[in-house]
N, C-alpha and C. Protein backbone atom coordinates (compact mmCIF):
# COMPACT_ATOMS: atom_id res chain seq x y z
N MET A 1 0.15 -30.68 11.19
CA MET A 1 0.73 -29.63 12.00
C MET A 1 1.17 -28.45 11.13
N GLY A 2 1.71 -28.75 9.96
CA GLY A 2 2.16 -27.71 9.06
C GLY A 2 0.99 -26.87 8.54
N ILE A 3 -0.15 -27.50 8.35
CA ILE A 3 -1.33 -26.78 7.87
C ILE A 3 -1.83 -25.81 8.93
N ILE A 4 -1.80 -26.22 10.17
CA ILE A 4 -2.24 -25.34 11.26
C ILE A 4 -1.29 -24.15 11.38
N ALA A 5 0.01 -24.40 11.31
CA ALA A 5 0.99 -23.31 11.37
C ALA A 5 0.86 -22.40 10.17
N CYS A 6 0.57 -22.97 9.01
CA CYS A 6 0.38 -22.16 7.81
C CYS A 6 -0.87 -21.29 7.95
N GLY A 7 -1.90 -21.82 8.53
CA GLY A 7 -3.11 -21.02 8.79
C GLY A 7 -2.82 -19.87 9.72
N CYS A 8 -1.99 -20.10 10.71
CA CYS A 8 -1.59 -19.02 11.63
C CYS A 8 -0.80 -17.94 10.90
N ALA A 9 0.14 -18.34 10.06
CA ALA A 9 0.97 -17.37 9.34
C ALA A 9 0.15 -16.55 8.36
N VAL A 10 -0.71 -17.20 7.61
CA VAL A 10 -1.53 -16.49 6.63
C VAL A 10 -2.54 -15.58 7.33
N SER A 11 -3.13 -16.07 8.41
CA SER A 11 -4.10 -15.26 9.15
C SER A 11 -3.46 -14.02 9.75
N ALA A 12 -2.28 -14.17 10.32
CA ALA A 12 -1.59 -13.02 10.90
C ALA A 12 -1.14 -12.04 9.83
N THR A 13 -0.79 -12.56 8.65
CA THR A 13 -0.40 -11.69 7.55
C THR A 13 -1.60 -10.93 7.00
N LEU A 14 -2.73 -11.60 6.88
CA LEU A 14 -3.93 -10.94 6.35
C LEU A 14 -4.55 -9.98 7.35
N ARG A 15 -4.11 -10.04 8.57
CA ARG A 15 -4.56 -9.07 9.57
C ARG A 15 -4.15 -7.65 9.16
N LEU A 16 -3.07 -7.55 8.41
CA LEU A 16 -2.64 -6.25 7.89
C LEU A 16 -3.76 -5.60 7.08
N ARG A 17 -4.34 -6.36 6.18
CA ARG A 17 -5.41 -5.83 5.35
C ARG A 17 -6.65 -5.52 6.17
N GLY A 18 -6.95 -6.37 7.12
CA GLY A 18 -8.11 -6.13 7.97
C GLY A 18 -8.01 -4.83 8.76
N GLU A 19 -6.83 -4.58 9.31
CA GLU A 19 -6.65 -3.34 10.06
C GLU A 19 -6.69 -2.12 9.16
N GLU A 20 -6.16 -2.26 7.96
CA GLU A 20 -6.16 -1.12 7.05
C GLU A 20 -7.56 -0.82 6.52
N SER A 21 -8.31 -1.85 6.17
CA SER A 21 -9.64 -1.61 5.60
C SER A 21 -10.66 -1.19 6.66
N SER A 22 -10.45 -1.55 7.92
CA SER A 22 -11.38 -1.14 8.98
C SER A 22 -10.98 0.20 9.60
N LEU A 23 -9.96 0.83 9.04
CA LEU A 23 -9.48 2.15 9.46
C LEU A 23 -8.89 2.17 10.87
N HIS A 24 -8.46 1.01 11.38
CA HIS A 24 -7.76 0.98 12.67
C HIS A 24 -6.33 1.47 12.52
N LEU A 25 -5.84 1.52 11.30
CA LEU A 25 -4.48 1.93 11.04
C LEU A 25 -4.32 3.45 11.10
N GLU A 26 -5.38 4.19 10.83
CA GLU A 26 -5.29 5.64 10.75
C GLU A 26 -4.75 6.29 12.03
N PRO A 27 -5.24 5.95 13.23
CA PRO A 27 -4.66 6.57 14.42
C PRO A 27 -3.19 6.21 14.64
N LEU A 28 -2.81 5.02 14.24
CA LEU A 28 -1.42 4.60 14.40
C LEU A 28 -0.51 5.36 13.44
N MET A 29 -1.00 5.66 12.25
CA MET A 29 -0.18 6.40 11.28
C MET A 29 -0.04 7.87 11.67
N ALA A 30 -0.83 8.34 12.62
CA ALA A 30 -0.69 9.71 13.11
C ALA A 30 0.47 9.81 14.10
N THR A 31 0.99 8.70 14.54
CA THR A 31 2.13 8.67 15.46
C THR A 31 3.42 8.51 14.65
N PRO A 32 4.58 8.57 15.27
CA PRO A 32 5.83 8.41 14.52
C PRO A 32 6.06 7.00 13.94
N THR A 33 5.20 6.05 14.26
CA THR A 33 5.35 4.70 13.73
C THR A 33 5.07 4.71 12.23
N GLY A 34 5.99 4.17 11.46
CA GLY A 34 5.82 4.13 10.01
C GLY A 34 5.09 2.88 9.56
N ARG A 35 4.69 2.89 8.31
CA ARG A 35 3.95 1.76 7.73
C ARG A 35 4.83 0.51 7.68
N LEU A 36 6.11 0.66 7.36
CA LEU A 36 6.99 -0.51 7.29
C LEU A 36 7.21 -1.12 8.67
N ARG A 37 7.35 -0.29 9.68
CA ARG A 37 7.53 -0.80 11.04
C ARG A 37 6.28 -1.54 11.52
N TRP A 38 5.11 -0.99 11.17
CA TRP A 38 3.84 -1.63 11.52
C TRP A 38 3.72 -2.99 10.83
N ALA A 39 4.04 -3.02 9.53
CA ALA A 39 3.95 -4.28 8.79
C ALA A 39 4.99 -5.28 9.29
N ALA A 40 6.19 -4.80 9.61
CA ALA A 40 7.23 -5.70 10.11
C ALA A 40 6.83 -6.34 11.44
N ALA A 41 6.12 -5.59 12.28
CA ALA A 41 5.66 -6.16 13.55
C ALA A 41 4.66 -7.29 13.30
N HIS A 42 3.76 -7.10 12.35
CA HIS A 42 2.80 -8.15 12.04
C HIS A 42 3.47 -9.37 11.42
N LEU A 43 4.41 -9.13 10.53
CA LEU A 43 5.08 -10.25 9.87
C LEU A 43 6.00 -11.00 10.82
N THR A 44 6.60 -10.29 11.76
CA THR A 44 7.41 -10.96 12.78
C THR A 44 6.54 -11.85 13.66
N THR A 45 5.37 -11.33 14.00
CA THR A 45 4.43 -12.14 14.79
C THR A 45 3.99 -13.37 14.01
N ALA A 46 3.74 -13.21 12.72
CA ALA A 46 3.34 -14.35 11.89
C ALA A 46 4.45 -15.40 11.83
N ALA A 47 5.68 -14.96 11.63
CA ALA A 47 6.79 -15.90 11.53
C ALA A 47 7.08 -16.59 12.86
N ALA A 48 7.12 -15.82 13.93
CA ALA A 48 7.41 -16.41 15.24
C ALA A 48 6.28 -17.31 15.72
N GLY A 49 5.05 -16.89 15.47
CA GLY A 49 3.90 -17.70 15.90
C GLY A 49 3.83 -19.02 15.18
N SER A 50 4.07 -19.00 13.87
CA SER A 50 4.02 -20.26 13.13
C SER A 50 5.18 -21.18 13.52
N ALA A 51 6.35 -20.62 13.78
CA ALA A 51 7.48 -21.44 14.23
C ALA A 51 7.22 -22.03 15.61
N ALA A 52 6.60 -21.25 16.49
CA ALA A 52 6.29 -21.75 17.83
C ALA A 52 5.25 -22.87 17.76
N ILE A 53 4.27 -22.73 16.88
CA ILE A 53 3.26 -23.79 16.74
C ILE A 53 3.92 -25.08 16.25
N LEU A 54 4.80 -24.96 15.26
CA LEU A 54 5.48 -26.16 14.77
C LEU A 54 6.40 -26.77 15.82
N ALA A 55 7.10 -25.93 16.58
CA ALA A 55 7.99 -26.45 17.62
C ALA A 55 7.21 -27.14 18.72
N ALA A 56 6.12 -26.53 19.17
CA ALA A 56 5.33 -27.13 20.25
C ALA A 56 4.66 -28.42 19.78
N GLY A 57 4.12 -28.39 18.57
CA GLY A 57 3.49 -29.60 18.05
C GLY A 57 4.49 -30.71 17.80
N GLY A 58 5.66 -30.37 17.26
CA GLY A 58 6.69 -31.38 17.03
C GLY A 58 7.22 -31.98 18.31
N LEU A 59 7.40 -31.12 19.33
CA LEU A 59 7.87 -31.62 20.62
C LEU A 59 6.84 -32.54 21.27
N ALA A 60 5.58 -32.13 21.21
CA ALA A 60 4.53 -32.97 21.80
C ALA A 60 4.40 -34.30 21.07
N ALA A 61 4.41 -34.24 19.74
CA ALA A 61 4.32 -35.49 18.98
C ALA A 61 5.55 -36.37 19.21
N GLY A 62 6.72 -35.75 19.33
CA GLY A 62 7.95 -36.51 19.57
C GLY A 62 7.94 -37.19 20.93
N VAL A 63 7.47 -36.48 21.95
CA VAL A 63 7.42 -37.07 23.29
C VAL A 63 6.42 -38.22 23.33
N VAL A 64 5.28 -38.03 22.71
CA VAL A 64 4.27 -39.10 22.69
C VAL A 64 4.80 -40.31 21.92
N HIS A 65 5.46 -40.07 20.80
CA HIS A 65 6.02 -41.18 20.02
C HIS A 65 7.15 -41.88 20.79
N ALA A 66 7.99 -41.09 21.47
CA ALA A 66 9.09 -41.68 22.23
C ALA A 66 8.57 -42.52 23.39
N LEU A 67 7.52 -42.04 24.05
CA LEU A 67 6.95 -42.83 25.15
C LEU A 67 6.31 -44.12 24.64
N GLY A 68 5.70 -44.04 23.48
CA GLY A 68 5.07 -45.25 22.93
C GLY A 68 6.07 -46.24 22.39
N ALA A 69 7.13 -45.75 21.73
CA ALA A 69 8.13 -46.63 21.12
C ALA A 69 9.20 -47.04 22.13
N GLY A 70 9.39 -46.23 23.18
CA GLY A 70 10.37 -46.57 24.19
C GLY A 70 11.77 -46.08 23.87
N GLU A 71 11.95 -45.28 22.85
CA GLU A 71 13.27 -44.78 22.49
C GLU A 71 13.24 -43.25 22.56
N ALA A 72 14.12 -42.66 23.37
CA ALA A 72 14.11 -41.23 23.62
C ALA A 72 14.62 -40.41 22.44
N HIS A 73 15.48 -40.99 21.60
CA HIS A 73 16.02 -40.23 20.48
C HIS A 73 14.97 -39.95 19.41
N ASP A 74 13.84 -40.64 19.45
CA ASP A 74 12.76 -40.40 18.49
C ASP A 74 12.11 -39.03 18.70
N ALA A 75 12.13 -38.53 19.92
CA ALA A 75 11.53 -37.22 20.20
C ALA A 75 12.27 -36.13 19.44
N ALA A 76 13.59 -36.18 19.42
CA ALA A 76 14.37 -35.17 18.71
C ALA A 76 14.18 -35.30 17.20
N ARG A 77 14.04 -36.53 16.71
CA ARG A 77 13.84 -36.73 15.27
C ARG A 77 12.50 -36.17 14.81
N VAL A 78 11.46 -36.43 15.57
CA VAL A 78 10.13 -35.91 15.21
C VAL A 78 10.10 -34.38 15.33
N LEU A 79 10.76 -33.83 16.33
CA LEU A 79 10.85 -32.38 16.45
C LEU A 79 11.57 -31.78 15.24
N GLY A 80 12.64 -32.40 14.81
CA GLY A 80 13.37 -31.94 13.63
C GLY A 80 12.53 -32.00 12.37
N LEU A 81 11.72 -33.05 12.24
CA LEU A 81 10.84 -33.17 11.08
C LEU A 81 9.77 -32.08 11.09
N ALA A 82 9.29 -31.72 12.25
CA ALA A 82 8.29 -30.66 12.34
C ALA A 82 8.91 -29.31 12.02
N LEU A 83 10.11 -29.06 12.52
CA LEU A 83 10.77 -27.79 12.27
C LEU A 83 11.22 -27.65 10.82
N ALA A 84 11.33 -28.75 10.10
CA ALA A 84 11.71 -28.70 8.68
C ALA A 84 10.61 -28.07 7.83
N GLN A 85 9.42 -27.98 8.37
CA GLN A 85 8.30 -27.38 7.63
C GLN A 85 8.25 -25.86 7.75
N ILE A 86 9.08 -25.26 8.59
CA ILE A 86 9.04 -23.81 8.81
C ILE A 86 9.26 -23.02 7.51
N PRO A 87 10.24 -23.35 6.67
CA PRO A 87 10.40 -22.55 5.45
C PRO A 87 9.17 -22.56 4.54
N ALA A 88 8.51 -23.69 4.43
CA ALA A 88 7.31 -23.76 3.59
C ALA A 88 6.18 -22.89 4.16
N VAL A 89 6.05 -22.88 5.47
CA VAL A 89 5.03 -22.05 6.11
C VAL A 89 5.36 -20.58 5.91
N TRP A 90 6.62 -20.23 6.05
CA TRP A 90 7.01 -18.83 5.87
C TRP A 90 6.83 -18.37 4.43
N VAL A 91 7.02 -19.26 3.47
CA VAL A 91 6.81 -18.90 2.06
C VAL A 91 5.34 -18.52 1.84
N LEU A 92 4.43 -19.29 2.39
CA LEU A 92 3.02 -18.95 2.22
C LEU A 92 2.65 -17.67 2.95
N GLY A 93 3.25 -17.42 4.10
CA GLY A 93 3.04 -16.14 4.77
C GLY A 93 3.60 -14.99 3.95
N ALA A 94 4.74 -15.20 3.30
CA ALA A 94 5.34 -14.17 2.45
C ALA A 94 4.49 -13.91 1.22
N VAL A 95 3.88 -14.94 0.67
CA VAL A 95 2.96 -14.74 -0.46
C VAL A 95 1.80 -13.85 -0.05
N GLY A 96 1.28 -14.08 1.13
CA GLY A 96 0.20 -13.22 1.65
C GLY A 96 0.66 -11.78 1.82
N ALA A 97 1.90 -11.59 2.29
CA ALA A 97 2.43 -10.23 2.47
C ALA A 97 2.63 -9.54 1.13
N VAL A 98 3.10 -10.28 0.14
CA VAL A 98 3.30 -9.70 -1.19
C VAL A 98 1.95 -9.32 -1.80
N LEU A 99 0.97 -10.19 -1.65
CA LEU A 99 -0.37 -9.87 -2.17
C LEU A 99 -0.96 -8.66 -1.45
N PHE A 100 -0.70 -8.53 -0.17
CA PHE A 100 -1.18 -7.35 0.55
C PHE A 100 -0.51 -6.09 0.01
N GLY A 101 0.78 -6.16 -0.24
CA GLY A 101 1.49 -5.00 -0.77
C GLY A 101 1.05 -4.62 -2.17
N ARG A 102 0.70 -5.61 -2.98
CA ARG A 102 0.29 -5.32 -4.35
C ARG A 102 -1.16 -4.89 -4.44
N CYS A 103 -2.00 -5.40 -3.58
CA CYS A 103 -3.44 -5.15 -3.68
C CYS A 103 -3.96 -4.51 -2.41
N ARG A 104 -3.34 -3.43 -1.97
CA ARG A 104 -3.77 -2.80 -0.73
C ARG A 104 -5.18 -2.27 -0.87
N ALA A 105 -5.95 -2.40 0.19
CA ALA A 105 -7.34 -1.94 0.18
C ALA A 105 -7.37 -0.42 0.29
N SER A 106 -8.24 0.18 -0.47
CA SER A 106 -8.41 1.63 -0.33
C SER A 106 -9.48 1.87 0.72
N PRO A 107 -9.18 2.69 1.72
CA PRO A 107 -10.17 2.93 2.77
C PRO A 107 -11.36 3.70 2.22
N PRO A 108 -12.53 3.52 2.81
CA PRO A 108 -13.70 4.25 2.33
C PRO A 108 -13.52 5.75 2.53
N SER A 109 -14.17 6.51 1.68
CA SER A 109 -14.06 7.96 1.80
C SER A 109 -14.69 8.41 3.11
N PRO A 110 -14.21 9.52 3.69
CA PRO A 110 -14.68 9.94 5.01
C PRO A 110 -16.19 10.18 5.09
N GLY A 111 -16.81 10.64 4.00
CA GLY A 111 -18.24 10.93 4.05
C GLY A 111 -19.11 9.72 3.82
N ARG A 112 -18.53 8.60 3.45
CA ARG A 112 -19.31 7.43 3.11
C ARG A 112 -19.30 6.44 4.27
N ARG A 113 -20.48 5.98 4.64
CA ARG A 113 -20.59 4.98 5.71
C ARG A 113 -20.63 3.60 5.11
N SER A 114 -20.13 2.64 5.84
CA SER A 114 -20.28 1.26 5.40
C SER A 114 -21.57 0.71 5.98
N GLY A 115 -22.11 -0.26 5.32
CA GLY A 115 -23.35 -0.85 5.79
C GLY A 115 -24.52 -0.39 4.97
N PRO A 116 -25.71 -0.85 5.32
CA PRO A 116 -26.89 -0.49 4.53
C PRO A 116 -27.21 0.98 4.67
N PRO A 117 -27.75 1.59 3.61
CA PRO A 117 -28.09 3.01 3.70
C PRO A 117 -29.26 3.24 4.64
N ARG A 118 -29.19 4.33 5.37
CA ARG A 118 -30.27 4.68 6.28
C ARG A 118 -31.20 5.65 5.59
N SER A 119 -32.44 5.65 6.04
CA SER A 119 -33.37 6.62 5.47
C SER A 119 -33.10 7.98 6.09
N SER A 120 -33.30 9.01 5.30
CA SER A 120 -33.05 10.35 5.83
C SER A 120 -34.20 10.76 6.73
N CYS A 121 -33.95 11.73 7.57
CA CYS A 121 -34.95 12.14 8.55
C CYS A 121 -36.17 12.75 7.88
N SER A 122 -35.99 13.46 6.79
CA SER A 122 -37.13 14.13 6.17
C SER A 122 -38.10 13.13 5.55
N SER A 123 -37.61 11.95 5.14
CA SER A 123 -38.51 10.97 4.57
C SER A 123 -38.93 9.90 5.57
N ALA A 124 -38.36 9.92 6.74
CA ALA A 124 -38.70 8.91 7.74
C ALA A 124 -40.06 9.21 8.33
N ARG A 125 -40.80 8.18 8.56
CA ARG A 125 -42.13 8.31 9.12
C ARG A 125 -42.05 8.34 10.64
N PRO A 126 -42.66 9.31 11.31
CA PRO A 126 -42.62 9.30 12.77
C PRO A 126 -43.44 8.14 13.32
N SER A 127 -42.99 7.59 14.41
CA SER A 127 -43.75 6.51 15.03
C SER A 127 -45.00 7.08 15.69
N THR A 128 -46.04 6.27 15.74
CA THR A 128 -47.33 6.76 16.24
C THR A 128 -47.36 6.87 17.75
N SER A 129 -46.57 6.07 18.44
CA SER A 129 -46.65 6.09 19.91
C SER A 129 -45.96 7.32 20.51
N THR A 130 -44.83 7.72 19.97
CA THR A 130 -44.09 8.82 20.57
C THR A 130 -44.14 10.08 19.74
N ARG A 131 -44.62 10.00 18.51
CA ARG A 131 -44.68 11.13 17.59
C ARG A 131 -43.30 11.71 17.36
N ARG A 132 -42.30 10.85 17.29
CA ARG A 132 -40.94 11.27 17.00
C ARG A 132 -40.43 10.45 15.83
N CYS A 133 -39.47 11.01 15.14
CA CYS A 133 -38.87 10.32 14.00
C CYS A 133 -38.17 9.05 14.51
N SER A 134 -38.40 7.94 13.81
CA SER A 134 -37.79 6.69 14.26
C SER A 134 -36.30 6.63 13.95
N THR A 135 -35.79 7.50 13.09
CA THR A 135 -34.37 7.50 12.74
C THR A 135 -33.56 8.37 13.67
N CYS A 136 -34.01 9.64 13.86
CA CYS A 136 -33.19 10.56 14.66
C CYS A 136 -33.84 10.92 15.98
N HIS A 137 -35.04 10.45 16.24
CA HIS A 137 -35.75 10.63 17.51
C HIS A 137 -36.06 12.10 17.82
N ARG A 138 -36.22 12.91 16.77
CA ARG A 138 -36.65 14.29 16.99
C ARG A 138 -38.15 14.38 16.73
N SER A 139 -38.75 15.40 17.28
CA SER A 139 -40.17 15.60 17.04
C SER A 139 -40.36 16.14 15.63
N PRO A 140 -41.54 15.94 15.02
CA PRO A 140 -41.77 16.41 13.65
C PRO A 140 -41.61 17.92 13.52
N THR A 141 -41.89 18.69 14.55
CA THR A 141 -41.75 20.14 14.44
C THR A 141 -40.30 20.56 14.43
N SER A 142 -39.42 19.83 15.09
CA SER A 142 -38.01 20.22 15.10
C SER A 142 -37.36 19.94 13.76
N ARG A 143 -37.95 19.03 12.94
CA ARG A 143 -37.39 18.75 11.63
C ARG A 143 -37.66 19.89 10.66
N SER A 144 -38.78 20.55 10.81
CA SER A 144 -39.15 21.56 9.84
C SER A 144 -38.48 22.90 10.10
N ARG A 145 -38.04 23.13 11.31
CA ARG A 145 -37.38 24.40 11.62
C ARG A 145 -35.92 24.35 11.26
N ALA A 146 -35.42 25.49 10.84
CA ALA A 146 -33.99 25.58 10.54
C ALA A 146 -33.23 25.68 11.85
N PRO A 147 -32.06 25.05 11.94
CA PRO A 147 -31.29 25.14 13.19
C PRO A 147 -30.79 26.56 13.42
N THR A 148 -30.83 26.95 14.66
CA THR A 148 -30.33 28.28 15.00
C THR A 148 -28.99 28.16 15.69
N SER A 149 -28.12 29.07 15.37
CA SER A 149 -26.80 29.05 16.00
C SER A 149 -26.86 29.90 17.26
N PRO A 150 -25.97 29.69 18.19
CA PRO A 150 -26.00 30.47 19.43
C PRO A 150 -25.81 31.96 19.19
N SER A 151 -25.12 32.36 18.15
CA SER A 151 -24.89 33.77 17.91
C SER A 151 -26.12 34.48 17.32
N SER A 152 -27.04 33.71 16.70
CA SER A 152 -28.22 34.35 16.10
C SER A 152 -29.36 34.51 17.09
N ARG A 153 -29.26 33.92 18.25
CA ARG A 153 -30.31 34.05 19.25
C ARG A 153 -30.23 35.42 19.92
N SER A 154 -31.39 35.93 20.28
CA SER A 154 -31.40 37.22 20.98
C SER A 154 -31.09 37.00 22.45
N PRO A 155 -30.33 37.90 23.07
CA PRO A 155 -30.00 37.71 24.48
C PRO A 155 -31.24 37.94 25.33
N SER A 156 -31.41 37.19 26.37
CA SER A 156 -32.59 37.31 27.24
C SER A 156 -32.30 38.10 28.47
């Protein structure tokens, strides 16, 4: 039970890095919400979630044990034993938070895309069936012409 709760705490803590590296954090940082408040919300969720998992698992195991043994006070004892693991789970979640703070991911530069590089339109071969570029779906003649701006066009 403690391992499952620890997995929940570490996973919720590492979600901080996932949101930062996937650039989901950028729109949130444009609001009045600060980085510490954002991180505190994730860490509170990690702590409360792992404690709830231990409490629910301990209560379920205690009830099952009490029904099998026939003594009702065993349910409270097993619940107490499960809740005794909360500090150890929180320590591992805190280690994840410290590692996140020390080794924060740097987001990719705005001009750089993630994933495999695409071929540029000028070197892409047009498909034979449609005679259009397979990358940008323009006709070969539109690639060779320079783009015109609306102000450079003559009025009709």
